[in-house]
PDBML (XML) file of the C-alpha atoms, coordinates in Angstrom:
<?xml version="1.0" encoding="UTF-8" ?>
<PDBx:datablock datablockName="MODEL"
   xmlns:PDBx="http://pdbml.pdb.org/schema/pdbx-v50.xsd"
   xmlns:xsi="http://www.w3.org/2001/XMLSchema-instance"
   xsi:schemaLocation="http://pdbml.pdb.org/schema/pdbx-v50.xsd pdbx-v50.xsd">
   <PDBx:atom_siteCategory>
      <PDBx:atom_site id="1">
         <PDBx:B_iso_or_equiv>0.00</PDBx:B_iso_or_equiv>
         <PDBx:Cartn_x>12.653</PDBx:Cartn_x>
         <PDBx:Cartn_y>-14.658</PDBx:Cartn_y>
         <PDBx:Cartn_z>10.966</PDBx:Cartn_z>
         <PDBx:auth_asym_id>A</PDBx:auth_asym_id>
         <PDBx:auth_atom_id>CA</PDBx:auth_atom_id>
         <PDBx:auth_comp_id>PRO</PDBx:auth_comp_id>
         <PDBx:auth_seq_id>1</PDBx:auth_seq_id>
         <PDBx:group_PDB>ATOM</PDBx:group_PDB>
         <PDBx:label_alt_id xsi:nil="true" />
         <PDBx:label_asym_id>A</PDBx:label_asym_id>
         <PDBx:label_atom_id>CA</PDBx:label_atom_id>
         <PDBx:label_comp_id>PRO</PDBx:label_comp_id>
         <PDBx:label_entity_id>1</PDBx:label_entity_id>
         <PDBx:label_seq_id>1</PDBx:label_seq_id>
         <PDBx:occupancy>1.00</PDBx:occupancy>
         <PDBx:pdbx_PDB_model_num>1</PDBx:pdbx_PDB_model_num>
         <PDBx:type_symbol>C</PDBx:type_symbol>
      </PDBx:atom_site>
      <PDBx:atom_site id="2">
         <PDBx:B_iso_or_equiv>0.00</PDBx:B_iso_or_equiv>
         <PDBx:Cartn_x>15.447</PDBx:Cartn_x>
         <PDBx:Cartn_y>-15.709</PDBx:Cartn_y>
         <PDBx:Cartn_z>8.638</PDBx:Cartn_z>
         <PDBx:auth_asym_id>A</PDBx:auth_asym_id>
         <PDBx:auth_atom_id>CA</PDBx:auth_atom_id>
         <PDBx:auth_comp_id>GLU</PDBx:auth_comp_id>
         <PDBx:auth_seq_id>2</PDBx:auth_seq_id>
         <PDBx:group_PDB>ATOM</PDBx:group_PDB>
         <PDBx:label_alt_id xsi:nil="true" />
         <PDBx:label_asym_id>A</PDBx:label_asym_id>
         <PDBx:label_atom_id>CA</PDBx:label_atom_id>
         <PDBx:label_comp_id>GLU</PDBx:label_comp_id>
         <PDBx:label_entity_id>1</PDBx:label_entity_id>
         <PDBx:label_seq_id>2</PDBx:label_seq_id>
         <PDBx:occupancy>1.00</PDBx:occupancy>
         <PDBx:pdbx_PDB_model_num>1</PDBx:pdbx_PDB_model_num>
         <PDBx:type_symbol>C</PDBx:type_symbol>
      </PDBx:atom_site>
      <PDBx:atom_site id="3">
         <PDBx:B_iso_or_equiv>0.00</PDBx:B_iso_or_equiv>
         <PDBx:Cartn_x>14.984</PDBx:Cartn_x>
         <PDBx:Cartn_y>-12.576</PDBx:Cartn_y>
         <PDBx:Cartn_z>6.465</PDBx:Cartn_z>
         <PDBx:auth_asym_id>A</PDBx:auth_asym_id>
         <PDBx:auth_atom_id>CA</PDBx:auth_atom_id>
         <PDBx:auth_comp_id>LYS</PDBx:auth_comp_id>
         <PDBx:auth_seq_id>3</PDBx:auth_seq_id>
         <PDBx:group_PDB>ATOM</PDBx:group_PDB>
         <PDBx:label_alt_id xsi:nil="true" />
         <PDBx:label_asym_id>A</PDBx:label_asym_id>
         <PDBx:label_atom_id>CA</PDBx:label_atom_id>
         <PDBx:label_comp_id>LYS</PDBx:label_comp_id>
         <PDBx:label_entity_id>1</PDBx:label_entity_id>
         <PDBx:label_seq_id>3</PDBx:label_seq_id>
         <PDBx:occupancy>1.00</PDBx:occupancy>
         <PDBx:pdbx_PDB_model_num>1</PDBx:pdbx_PDB_model_num>
         <PDBx:type_symbol>C</PDBx:type_symbol>
      </PDBx:atom_site>
      <PDBx:atom_site id="4">
         <PDBx:B_iso_or_equiv>0.00</PDBx:B_iso_or_equiv>
         <PDBx:Cartn_x>14.801</PDBx:Cartn_x>
         <PDBx:Cartn_y>-10.297</PDBx:Cartn_y>
         <PDBx:Cartn_z>9.478</PDBx:Cartn_z>
         <PDBx:auth_asym_id>A</PDBx:auth_asym_id>
         <PDBx:auth_atom_id>CA</PDBx:auth_atom_id>
         <PDBx:auth_comp_id>ALA</PDBx:auth_comp_id>
         <PDBx:auth_seq_id>4</PDBx:auth_seq_id>
         <PDBx:group_PDB>ATOM</PDBx:group_PDB>
         <PDBx:label_alt_id xsi:nil="true" />
         <PDBx:label_asym_id>A</PDBx:label_asym_id>
         <PDBx:label_atom_id>CA</PDBx:label_atom_id>
         <PDBx:label_comp_id>ALA</PDBx:label_comp_id>
         <PDBx:label_entity_id>1</PDBx:label_entity_id>
         <PDBx:label_seq_id>4</PDBx:label_seq_id>
         <PDBx:occupancy>1.00</PDBx:occupancy>
         <PDBx:pdbx_PDB_model_num>1</PDBx:pdbx_PDB_model_num>
         <PDBx:type_symbol>C</PDBx:type_symbol>
      </PDBx:atom_site>
      <PDBx:atom_site id="5">
         <PDBx:B_iso_or_equiv>0.00</PDBx:B_iso_or_equiv>
         <PDBx:Cartn_x>18.232</PDBx:Cartn_x>
         <PDBx:Cartn_y>-11.554</PDBx:Cartn_y>
         <PDBx:Cartn_z>10.623</PDBx:Cartn_z>
         <PDBx:auth_asym_id>A</PDBx:auth_asym_id>
         <PDBx:auth_atom_id>CA</PDBx:auth_atom_id>
         <PDBx:auth_comp_id>ILE</PDBx:auth_comp_id>
         <PDBx:auth_seq_id>5</PDBx:auth_seq_id>
         <PDBx:group_PDB>ATOM</PDBx:group_PDB>
         <PDBx:label_alt_id xsi:nil="true" />
         <PDBx:label_asym_id>A</PDBx:label_asym_id>
         <PDBx:label_atom_id>CA</PDBx:label_atom_id>
         <PDBx:label_comp_id>ILE</PDBx:label_comp_id>
         <PDBx:label_entity_id>1</PDBx:label_entity_id>
         <PDBx:label_seq_id>5</PDBx:label_seq_id>
         <PDBx:occupancy>1.00</PDBx:occupancy>
         <PDBx:pdbx_PDB_model_num>1</PDBx:pdbx_PDB_model_num>
         <PDBx:type_symbol>C</PDBx:type_symbol>
      </PDBx:atom_site>
      <PDBx:atom_site id="6">
         <PDBx:B_iso_or_equiv>0.00</PDBx:B_iso_or_equiv>
         <PDBx:Cartn_x>19.992</PDBx:Cartn_x>
         <PDBx:Cartn_y>-12.072</PDBx:Cartn_y>
         <PDBx:Cartn_z>7.316</PDBx:Cartn_z>
         <PDBx:auth_asym_id>A</PDBx:auth_asym_id>
         <PDBx:auth_atom_id>CA</PDBx:auth_atom_id>
         <PDBx:auth_comp_id>ILE</PDBx:auth_comp_id>
         <PDBx:auth_seq_id>6</PDBx:auth_seq_id>
         <PDBx:group_PDB>ATOM</PDBx:group_PDB>
         <PDBx:label_alt_id xsi:nil="true" />
         <PDBx:label_asym_id>A</PDBx:label_asym_id>
         <PDBx:label_atom_id>CA</PDBx:label_atom_id>
         <PDBx:label_comp_id>ILE</PDBx:label_comp_id>
         <PDBx:label_entity_id>1</PDBx:label_entity_id>
         <PDBx:label_seq_id>6</PDBx:label_seq_id>
         <PDBx:occupancy>1.00</PDBx:occupancy>
         <PDBx:pdbx_PDB_model_num>1</PDBx:pdbx_PDB_model_num>
         <PDBx:type_symbol>C</PDBx:type_symbol>
      </PDBx:atom_site>
      <PDBx:atom_site id="7">
         <PDBx:B_iso_or_equiv>0.00</PDBx:B_iso_or_equiv>
         <PDBx:Cartn_x>18.644</PDBx:Cartn_x>
         <PDBx:Cartn_y>-9.314</PDBx:Cartn_y>
         <PDBx:Cartn_z>5.033</PDBx:Cartn_z>
         <PDBx:auth_asym_id>A</PDBx:auth_asym_id>
         <PDBx:auth_atom_id>CA</PDBx:auth_atom_id>
         <PDBx:auth_comp_id>GLN</PDBx:auth_comp_id>
         <PDBx:auth_seq_id>7</PDBx:auth_seq_id>
         <PDBx:group_PDB>ATOM</PDBx:group_PDB>
         <PDBx:label_alt_id xsi:nil="true" />
         <PDBx:label_asym_id>A</PDBx:label_asym_id>
         <PDBx:label_atom_id>CA</PDBx:label_atom_id>
         <PDBx:label_comp_id>GLN</PDBx:label_comp_id>
         <PDBx:label_entity_id>1</PDBx:label_entity_id>
         <PDBx:label_seq_id>7</PDBx:label_seq_id>
         <PDBx:occupancy>1.00</PDBx:occupancy>
         <PDBx:pdbx_PDB_model_num>1</PDBx:pdbx_PDB_model_num>
         <PDBx:type_symbol>C</PDBx:type_symbol>
      </PDBx:atom_site>
      <PDBx:atom_site id="8">
         <PDBx:B_iso_or_equiv>0.00</PDBx:B_iso_or_equiv>
         <PDBx:Cartn_x>18.965</PDBx:Cartn_x>
         <PDBx:Cartn_y>-6.339</PDBx:Cartn_y>
         <PDBx:Cartn_z>7.386</PDBx:Cartn_z>
         <PDBx:auth_asym_id>A</PDBx:auth_asym_id>
         <PDBx:auth_atom_id>CA</PDBx:auth_atom_id>
         <PDBx:auth_comp_id>VAL</PDBx:auth_comp_id>
         <PDBx:auth_seq_id>8</PDBx:auth_seq_id>
         <PDBx:group_PDB>ATOM</PDBx:group_PDB>
         <PDBx:label_alt_id xsi:nil="true" />
         <PDBx:label_asym_id>A</PDBx:label_asym_id>
         <PDBx:label_atom_id>CA</PDBx:label_atom_id>
         <PDBx:label_comp_id>VAL</PDBx:label_comp_id>
         <PDBx:label_entity_id>1</PDBx:label_entity_id>
         <PDBx:label_seq_id>8</PDBx:label_seq_id>
         <PDBx:occupancy>1.00</PDBx:occupancy>
         <PDBx:pdbx_PDB_model_num>1</PDBx:pdbx_PDB_model_num>
         <PDBx:type_symbol>C</PDBx:type_symbol>
      </PDBx:atom_site>
      <PDBx:atom_site id="9">
         <PDBx:B_iso_or_equiv>0.00</PDBx:B_iso_or_equiv>
         <PDBx:Cartn_x>21.157</PDBx:Cartn_x>
         <PDBx:Cartn_y>-5.359</PDBx:Cartn_y>
         <PDBx:Cartn_z>10.320</PDBx:Cartn_z>
         <PDBx:auth_asym_id>A</PDBx:auth_asym_id>
         <PDBx:auth_atom_id>CA</PDBx:auth_atom_id>
         <PDBx:auth_comp_id>GLU</PDBx:auth_comp_id>
         <PDBx:auth_seq_id>9</PDBx:auth_seq_id>
         <PDBx:group_PDB>ATOM</PDBx:group_PDB>
         <PDBx:label_alt_id xsi:nil="true" />
         <PDBx:label_asym_id>A</PDBx:label_asym_id>
         <PDBx:label_atom_id>CA</PDBx:label_atom_id>
         <PDBx:label_comp_id>GLU</PDBx:label_comp_id>
         <PDBx:label_entity_id>1</PDBx:label_entity_id>
         <PDBx:label_seq_id>9</PDBx:label_seq_id>
         <PDBx:occupancy>1.00</PDBx:occupancy>
         <PDBx:pdbx_PDB_model_num>1</PDBx:pdbx_PDB_model_num>
         <PDBx:type_symbol>C</PDBx:type_symbol>
      </PDBx:atom_site>
      <PDBx:atom_site id="10">
         <PDBx:B_iso_or_equiv>0.00</PDBx:B_iso_or_equiv>
         <PDBx:Cartn_x>19.096</PDBx:Cartn_x>
         <PDBx:Cartn_y>-4.536</PDBx:Cartn_y>
         <PDBx:Cartn_z>13.435</PDBx:Cartn_z>
         <PDBx:auth_asym_id>A</PDBx:auth_asym_id>
         <PDBx:auth_atom_id>CA</PDBx:auth_atom_id>
         <PDBx:auth_comp_id>ARG</PDBx:auth_comp_id>
         <PDBx:auth_seq_id>10</PDBx:auth_seq_id>
         <PDBx:group_PDB>ATOM</PDBx:group_PDB>
         <PDBx:label_alt_id xsi:nil="true" />
         <PDBx:label_asym_id>A</PDBx:label_asym_id>
         <PDBx:label_atom_id>CA</PDBx:label_atom_id>
         <PDBx:label_comp_id>ARG</PDBx:label_comp_id>
         <PDBx:label_entity_id>1</PDBx:label_entity_id>
         <PDBx:label_seq_id>10</PDBx:label_seq_id>
         <PDBx:occupancy>1.00</PDBx:occupancy>
         <PDBx:pdbx_PDB_model_num>1</PDBx:pdbx_PDB_model_num>
         <PDBx:type_symbol>C</PDBx:type_symbol>
      </PDBx:atom_site>
      <PDBx:atom_site id="11">
         <PDBx:B_iso_or_equiv>0.00</PDBx:B_iso_or_equiv>
         <PDBx:Cartn_x>15.663</PDBx:Cartn_x>
         <PDBx:Cartn_y>-4.644</PDBx:Cartn_y>
         <PDBx:Cartn_z>11.847</PDBx:Cartn_z>
         <PDBx:auth_asym_id>A</PDBx:auth_asym_id>
         <PDBx:auth_atom_id>CA</PDBx:auth_atom_id>
         <PDBx:auth_comp_id>TYR</PDBx:auth_comp_id>
         <PDBx:auth_seq_id>11</PDBx:auth_seq_id>
         <PDBx:group_PDB>ATOM</PDBx:group_PDB>
         <PDBx:label_alt_id xsi:nil="true" />
         <PDBx:label_asym_id>A</PDBx:label_asym_id>
         <PDBx:label_atom_id>CA</PDBx:label_atom_id>
         <PDBx:label_comp_id>TYR</PDBx:label_comp_id>
         <PDBx:label_entity_id>1</PDBx:label_entity_id>
         <PDBx:label_seq_id>11</PDBx:label_seq_id>
         <PDBx:occupancy>1.00</PDBx:occupancy>
         <PDBx:pdbx_PDB_model_num>1</PDBx:pdbx_PDB_model_num>
         <PDBx:type_symbol>C</PDBx:type_symbol>
      </PDBx:atom_site>
      <PDBx:atom_site id="12">
         <PDBx:B_iso_or_equiv>0.00</PDBx:B_iso_or_equiv>
         <PDBx:Cartn_x>14.059</PDBx:Cartn_x>
         <PDBx:Cartn_y>-2.637</PDBx:Cartn_y>
         <PDBx:Cartn_z>14.651</PDBx:Cartn_z>
         <PDBx:auth_asym_id>A</PDBx:auth_asym_id>
         <PDBx:auth_atom_id>CA</PDBx:auth_atom_id>
         <PDBx:auth_comp_id>LEU</PDBx:auth_comp_id>
         <PDBx:auth_seq_id>12</PDBx:auth_seq_id>
         <PDBx:group_PDB>ATOM</PDBx:group_PDB>
         <PDBx:label_alt_id xsi:nil="true" />
         <PDBx:label_asym_id>A</PDBx:label_asym_id>
         <PDBx:label_atom_id>CA</PDBx:label_atom_id>
         <PDBx:label_comp_id>LEU</PDBx:label_comp_id>
         <PDBx:label_entity_id>1</PDBx:label_entity_id>
         <PDBx:label_seq_id>12</PDBx:label_seq_id>
         <PDBx:occupancy>1.00</PDBx:occupancy>
         <PDBx:pdbx_PDB_model_num>1</PDBx:pdbx_PDB_model_num>
         <PDBx:type_symbol>C</PDBx:type_symbol>
      </PDBx:atom_site>
      <PDBx:atom_site id="13">
         <PDBx:B_iso_or_equiv>0.00</PDBx:B_iso_or_equiv>
         <PDBx:Cartn_x>16.296</PDBx:Cartn_x>
         <PDBx:Cartn_y>0.356</PDBx:Cartn_y>
         <PDBx:Cartn_z>14.066</PDBx:Cartn_z>
         <PDBx:auth_asym_id>A</PDBx:auth_asym_id>
         <PDBx:auth_atom_id>CA</PDBx:auth_atom_id>
         <PDBx:auth_comp_id>GLU</PDBx:auth_comp_id>
         <PDBx:auth_seq_id>13</PDBx:auth_seq_id>
         <PDBx:group_PDB>ATOM</PDBx:group_PDB>
         <PDBx:label_alt_id xsi:nil="true" />
         <PDBx:label_asym_id>A</PDBx:label_asym_id>
         <PDBx:label_atom_id>CA</PDBx:label_atom_id>
         <PDBx:label_comp_id>GLU</PDBx:label_comp_id>
         <PDBx:label_entity_id>1</PDBx:label_entity_id>
         <PDBx:label_seq_id>13</PDBx:label_seq_id>
         <PDBx:occupancy>1.00</PDBx:occupancy>
         <PDBx:pdbx_PDB_model_num>1</PDBx:pdbx_PDB_model_num>
         <PDBx:type_symbol>C</PDBx:type_symbol>
      </PDBx:atom_site>
      <PDBx:atom_site id="14">
         <PDBx:B_iso_or_equiv>0.00</PDBx:B_iso_or_equiv>
         <PDBx:Cartn_x>16.011</PDBx:Cartn_x>
         <PDBx:Cartn_y>0.068</PDBx:Cartn_y>
         <PDBx:Cartn_z>10.321</PDBx:Cartn_z>
         <PDBx:auth_asym_id>A</PDBx:auth_asym_id>
         <PDBx:auth_atom_id>CA</PDBx:auth_atom_id>
         <PDBx:auth_comp_id>ALA</PDBx:auth_comp_id>
         <PDBx:auth_seq_id>14</PDBx:auth_seq_id>
         <PDBx:group_PDB>ATOM</PDBx:group_PDB>
         <PDBx:label_alt_id xsi:nil="true" />
         <PDBx:label_asym_id>A</PDBx:label_asym_id>
         <PDBx:label_atom_id>CA</PDBx:label_atom_id>
         <PDBx:label_comp_id>ALA</PDBx:label_comp_id>
         <PDBx:label_entity_id>1</PDBx:label_entity_id>
         <PDBx:label_seq_id>14</PDBx:label_seq_id>
         <PDBx:occupancy>1.00</PDBx:occupancy>
         <PDBx:pdbx_PDB_model_num>1</PDBx:pdbx_PDB_model_num>
         <PDBx:type_symbol>C</PDBx:type_symbol>
      </PDBx:atom_site>
      <PDBx:atom_site id="15">
         <PDBx:B_iso_or_equiv>0.00</PDBx:B_iso_or_equiv>
         <PDBx:Cartn_x>12.198</PDBx:Cartn_x>
         <PDBx:Cartn_y>-0.003</PDBx:Cartn_y>
         <PDBx:Cartn_z>10.484</PDBx:Cartn_z>
         <PDBx:auth_asym_id>A</PDBx:auth_asym_id>
         <PDBx:auth_atom_id>CA</PDBx:auth_atom_id>
         <PDBx:auth_comp_id>THR</PDBx:auth_comp_id>
         <PDBx:auth_seq_id>15</PDBx:auth_seq_id>
         <PDBx:group_PDB>ATOM</PDBx:group_PDB>
         <PDBx:label_alt_id xsi:nil="true" />
         <PDBx:label_asym_id>A</PDBx:label_asym_id>
         <PDBx:label_atom_id>CA</PDBx:label_atom_id>
         <PDBx:label_comp_id>THR</PDBx:label_comp_id>
         <PDBx:label_entity_id>1</PDBx:label_entity_id>
         <PDBx:label_seq_id>15</PDBx:label_seq_id>
         <PDBx:occupancy>1.00</PDBx:occupancy>
         <PDBx:pdbx_PDB_model_num>1</PDBx:pdbx_PDB_model_num>
         <PDBx:type_symbol>C</PDBx:type_symbol>
      </PDBx:atom_site>
      <PDBx:atom_site id="16">
         <PDBx:B_iso_or_equiv>0.00</PDBx:B_iso_or_equiv>
         <PDBx:Cartn_x>12.174</PDBx:Cartn_x>
         <PDBx:Cartn_y>3.056</PDBx:Cartn_y>
         <PDBx:Cartn_z>12.771</PDBx:Cartn_z>
         <PDBx:auth_asym_id>A</PDBx:auth_asym_id>
         <PDBx:auth_atom_id>CA</PDBx:auth_atom_id>
         <PDBx:auth_comp_id>SER</PDBx:auth_comp_id>
         <PDBx:auth_seq_id>16</PDBx:auth_seq_id>
         <PDBx:group_PDB>ATOM</PDBx:group_PDB>
         <PDBx:label_alt_id xsi:nil="true" />
         <PDBx:label_asym_id>A</PDBx:label_asym_id>
         <PDBx:label_atom_id>CA</PDBx:label_atom_id>
         <PDBx:label_comp_id>SER</PDBx:label_comp_id>
         <PDBx:label_entity_id>1</PDBx:label_entity_id>
         <PDBx:label_seq_id>16</PDBx:label_seq_id>
         <PDBx:occupancy>1.00</PDBx:occupancy>
         <PDBx:pdbx_PDB_model_num>1</PDBx:pdbx_PDB_model_num>
         <PDBx:type_symbol>C</PDBx:type_symbol>
      </PDBx:atom_site>
      <PDBx:atom_site id="17">
         <PDBx:B_iso_or_equiv>0.00</PDBx:B_iso_or_equiv>
         <PDBx:Cartn_x>14.399</PDBx:Cartn_x>
         <PDBx:Cartn_y>5.114</PDBx:Cartn_y>
         <PDBx:Cartn_z>10.433</PDBx:Cartn_z>
         <PDBx:auth_asym_id>A</PDBx:auth_asym_id>
         <PDBx:auth_atom_id>CA</PDBx:auth_atom_id>
         <PDBx:auth_comp_id>GLN</PDBx:auth_comp_id>
         <PDBx:auth_seq_id>17</PDBx:auth_seq_id>
         <PDBx:group_PDB>ATOM</PDBx:group_PDB>
         <PDBx:label_alt_id xsi:nil="true" />
         <PDBx:label_asym_id>A</PDBx:label_asym_id>
         <PDBx:label_atom_id>CA</PDBx:label_atom_id>
         <PDBx:label_comp_id>GLN</PDBx:label_comp_id>
         <PDBx:label_entity_id>1</PDBx:label_entity_id>
         <PDBx:label_seq_id>17</PDBx:label_seq_id>
         <PDBx:occupancy>1.00</PDBx:occupancy>
         <PDBx:pdbx_PDB_model_num>1</PDBx:pdbx_PDB_model_num>
         <PDBx:type_symbol>C</PDBx:type_symbol>
      </PDBx:atom_site>
      <PDBx:atom_site id="18">
         <PDBx:B_iso_or_equiv>0.00</PDBx:B_iso_or_equiv>
         <PDBx:Cartn_x>12.313</PDBx:Cartn_x>
         <PDBx:Cartn_y>4.048</PDBx:Cartn_y>
         <PDBx:Cartn_z>7.405</PDBx:Cartn_z>
         <PDBx:auth_asym_id>A</PDBx:auth_asym_id>
         <PDBx:auth_atom_id>CA</PDBx:auth_atom_id>
         <PDBx:auth_comp_id>LEU</PDBx:auth_comp_id>
         <PDBx:auth_seq_id>18</PDBx:auth_seq_id>
         <PDBx:group_PDB>ATOM</PDBx:group_PDB>
         <PDBx:label_alt_id xsi:nil="true" />
         <PDBx:label_asym_id>A</PDBx:label_asym_id>
         <PDBx:label_atom_id>CA</PDBx:label_atom_id>
         <PDBx:label_comp_id>LEU</PDBx:label_comp_id>
         <PDBx:label_entity_id>1</PDBx:label_entity_id>
         <PDBx:label_seq_id>18</PDBx:label_seq_id>
         <PDBx:occupancy>1.00</PDBx:occupancy>
         <PDBx:pdbx_PDB_model_num>1</PDBx:pdbx_PDB_model_num>
         <PDBx:type_symbol>C</PDBx:type_symbol>
      </PDBx:atom_site>
      <PDBx:atom_site id="19">
         <PDBx:B_iso_or_equiv>0.00</PDBx:B_iso_or_equiv>
         <PDBx:Cartn_x>9.093</PDBx:Cartn_x>
         <PDBx:Cartn_y>5.047</PDBx:Cartn_y>
         <PDBx:Cartn_z>9.179</PDBx:Cartn_z>
         <PDBx:auth_asym_id>A</PDBx:auth_asym_id>
         <PDBx:auth_atom_id>CA</PDBx:auth_atom_id>
         <PDBx:auth_comp_id>ALA</PDBx:auth_comp_id>
         <PDBx:auth_seq_id>19</PDBx:auth_seq_id>
         <PDBx:group_PDB>ATOM</PDBx:group_PDB>
         <PDBx:label_alt_id xsi:nil="true" />
         <PDBx:label_asym_id>A</PDBx:label_asym_id>
         <PDBx:label_atom_id>CA</PDBx:label_atom_id>
         <PDBx:label_comp_id>ALA</PDBx:label_comp_id>
         <PDBx:label_entity_id>1</PDBx:label_entity_id>
         <PDBx:label_seq_id>19</PDBx:label_seq_id>
         <PDBx:occupancy>1.00</PDBx:occupancy>
         <PDBx:pdbx_PDB_model_num>1</PDBx:pdbx_PDB_model_num>
         <PDBx:type_symbol>C</PDBx:type_symbol>
      </PDBx:atom_site>
      <PDBx:atom_site id="20">
         <PDBx:B_iso_or_equiv>0.00</PDBx:B_iso_or_equiv>
         <PDBx:Cartn_x>10.436</PDBx:Cartn_x>
         <PDBx:Cartn_y>8.527</PDBx:Cartn_y>
         <PDBx:Cartn_z>9.986</PDBx:Cartn_z>
         <PDBx:auth_asym_id>A</PDBx:auth_asym_id>
         <PDBx:auth_atom_id>CA</PDBx:auth_atom_id>
         <PDBx:auth_comp_id>GLN</PDBx:auth_comp_id>
         <PDBx:auth_seq_id>20</PDBx:auth_seq_id>
         <PDBx:group_PDB>ATOM</PDBx:group_PDB>
         <PDBx:label_alt_id xsi:nil="true" />
         <PDBx:label_asym_id>A</PDBx:label_asym_id>
         <PDBx:label_atom_id>CA</PDBx:label_atom_id>
         <PDBx:label_comp_id>GLN</PDBx:label_comp_id>
         <PDBx:label_entity_id>1</PDBx:label_entity_id>
         <PDBx:label_seq_id>20</PDBx:label_seq_id>
         <PDBx:occupancy>1.00</PDBx:occupancy>
         <PDBx:pdbx_PDB_model_num>1</PDBx:pdbx_PDB_model_num>
         <PDBx:type_symbol>C</PDBx:type_symbol>
      </PDBx:atom_site>
      <PDBx:atom_site id="21">
         <PDBx:B_iso_or_equiv>0.00</PDBx:B_iso_or_equiv>
         <PDBx:Cartn_x>11.547</PDBx:Cartn_x>
         <PDBx:Cartn_y>9.222</PDBx:Cartn_y>
         <PDBx:Cartn_z>6.382</PDBx:Cartn_z>
         <PDBx:auth_asym_id>A</PDBx:auth_asym_id>
         <PDBx:auth_atom_id>CA</PDBx:auth_atom_id>
         <PDBx:auth_comp_id>THR</PDBx:auth_comp_id>
         <PDBx:auth_seq_id>21</PDBx:auth_seq_id>
         <PDBx:group_PDB>ATOM</PDBx:group_PDB>
         <PDBx:label_alt_id xsi:nil="true" />
         <PDBx:label_asym_id>A</PDBx:label_asym_id>
         <PDBx:label_atom_id>CA</PDBx:label_atom_id>
         <PDBx:label_comp_id>THR</PDBx:label_comp_id>
         <PDBx:label_entity_id>1</PDBx:label_entity_id>
         <PDBx:label_seq_id>21</PDBx:label_seq_id>
         <PDBx:occupancy>1.00</PDBx:occupancy>
         <PDBx:pdbx_PDB_model_num>1</PDBx:pdbx_PDB_model_num>
         <PDBx:type_symbol>C</PDBx:type_symbol>
      </PDBx:atom_site>
      <PDBx:atom_site id="22">
         <PDBx:B_iso_or_equiv>0.00</PDBx:B_iso_or_equiv>
         <PDBx:Cartn_x>8.321</PDBx:Cartn_x>
         <PDBx:Cartn_y>7.849</PDBx:Cartn_y>
         <PDBx:Cartn_z>4.933</PDBx:Cartn_z>
         <PDBx:auth_asym_id>A</PDBx:auth_asym_id>
         <PDBx:auth_atom_id>CA</PDBx:auth_atom_id>
         <PDBx:auth_comp_id>THR</PDBx:auth_comp_id>
         <PDBx:auth_seq_id>22</PDBx:auth_seq_id>
         <PDBx:group_PDB>ATOM</PDBx:group_PDB>
         <PDBx:label_alt_id xsi:nil="true" />
         <PDBx:label_asym_id>A</PDBx:label_asym_id>
         <PDBx:label_atom_id>CA</PDBx:label_atom_id>
         <PDBx:label_comp_id>THR</PDBx:label_comp_id>
         <PDBx:label_entity_id>1</PDBx:label_entity_id>
         <PDBx:label_seq_id>22</PDBx:label_seq_id>
         <PDBx:occupancy>1.00</PDBx:occupancy>
         <PDBx:pdbx_PDB_model_num>1</PDBx:pdbx_PDB_model_num>
         <PDBx:type_symbol>C</PDBx:type_symbol>
      </PDBx:atom_site>
      <PDBx:atom_site id="23">
         <PDBx:B_iso_or_equiv>0.00</PDBx:B_iso_or_equiv>
         <PDBx:Cartn_x>6.199</PDBx:Cartn_x>
         <PDBx:Cartn_y>9.956</PDBx:Cartn_y>
         <PDBx:Cartn_z>7.354</PDBx:Cartn_z>
         <PDBx:auth_asym_id>A</PDBx:auth_asym_id>
         <PDBx:auth_atom_id>CA</PDBx:auth_atom_id>
         <PDBx:auth_comp_id>LEU</PDBx:auth_comp_id>
         <PDBx:auth_seq_id>23</PDBx:auth_seq_id>
         <PDBx:group_PDB>ATOM</PDBx:group_PDB>
         <PDBx:label_alt_id xsi:nil="true" />
         <PDBx:label_asym_id>A</PDBx:label_asym_id>
         <PDBx:label_atom_id>CA</PDBx:label_atom_id>
         <PDBx:label_comp_id>LEU</PDBx:label_comp_id>
         <PDBx:label_entity_id>1</PDBx:label_entity_id>
         <PDBx:label_seq_id>23</PDBx:label_seq_id>
         <PDBx:occupancy>1.00</PDBx:occupancy>
         <PDBx:pdbx_PDB_model_num>1</PDBx:pdbx_PDB_model_num>
         <PDBx:type_symbol>C</PDBx:type_symbol>
      </PDBx:atom_site>
      <PDBx:atom_site id="24">
         <PDBx:B_iso_or_equiv>0.00</PDBx:B_iso_or_equiv>
         <PDBx:Cartn_x>7.972</PDBx:Cartn_x>
         <PDBx:Cartn_y>13.159</PDBx:Cartn_y>
         <PDBx:Cartn_z>6.162</PDBx:Cartn_z>
         <PDBx:auth_asym_id>A</PDBx:auth_asym_id>
         <PDBx:auth_atom_id>CA</PDBx:auth_atom_id>
         <PDBx:auth_comp_id>ARG</PDBx:auth_comp_id>
         <PDBx:auth_seq_id>24</PDBx:auth_seq_id>
         <PDBx:group_PDB>ATOM</PDBx:group_PDB>
         <PDBx:label_alt_id xsi:nil="true" />
         <PDBx:label_asym_id>A</PDBx:label_asym_id>
         <PDBx:label_atom_id>CA</PDBx:label_atom_id>
         <PDBx:label_comp_id>ARG</PDBx:label_comp_id>
         <PDBx:label_entity_id>1</PDBx:label_entity_id>
         <PDBx:label_seq_id>24</PDBx:label_seq_id>
         <PDBx:occupancy>1.00</PDBx:occupancy>
         <PDBx:pdbx_PDB_model_num>1</PDBx:pdbx_PDB_model_num>
         <PDBx:type_symbol>C</PDBx:type_symbol>
      </PDBx:atom_site>
      <PDBx:atom_site id="25">
         <PDBx:B_iso_or_equiv>0.00</PDBx:B_iso_or_equiv>
         <PDBx:Cartn_x>7.804</PDBx:Cartn_x>
         <PDBx:Cartn_y>12.193</PDBx:Cartn_y>
         <PDBx:Cartn_z>2.495</PDBx:Cartn_z>
         <PDBx:auth_asym_id>A</PDBx:auth_asym_id>
         <PDBx:auth_atom_id>CA</PDBx:auth_atom_id>
         <PDBx:auth_comp_id>ALA</PDBx:auth_comp_id>
         <PDBx:auth_seq_id>25</PDBx:auth_seq_id>
         <PDBx:group_PDB>ATOM</PDBx:group_PDB>
         <PDBx:label_alt_id xsi:nil="true" />
         <PDBx:label_asym_id>A</PDBx:label_asym_id>
         <PDBx:label_atom_id>CA</PDBx:label_atom_id>
         <PDBx:label_comp_id>ALA</PDBx:label_comp_id>
         <PDBx:label_entity_id>1</PDBx:label_entity_id>
         <PDBx:label_seq_id>25</PDBx:label_seq_id>
         <PDBx:occupancy>1.00</PDBx:occupancy>
         <PDBx:pdbx_PDB_model_num>1</PDBx:pdbx_PDB_model_num>
         <PDBx:type_symbol>C</PDBx:type_symbol>
      </PDBx:atom_site>
   </PDBx:atom_siteCategory>
</PDBx:datablock>
């Protein structure tokens, strides 16, 4: 939990964007 809050802003949105780009790649 500490990494999900400190290391990235809005981890849900970040994971969604990363999944989209990875799927295309």
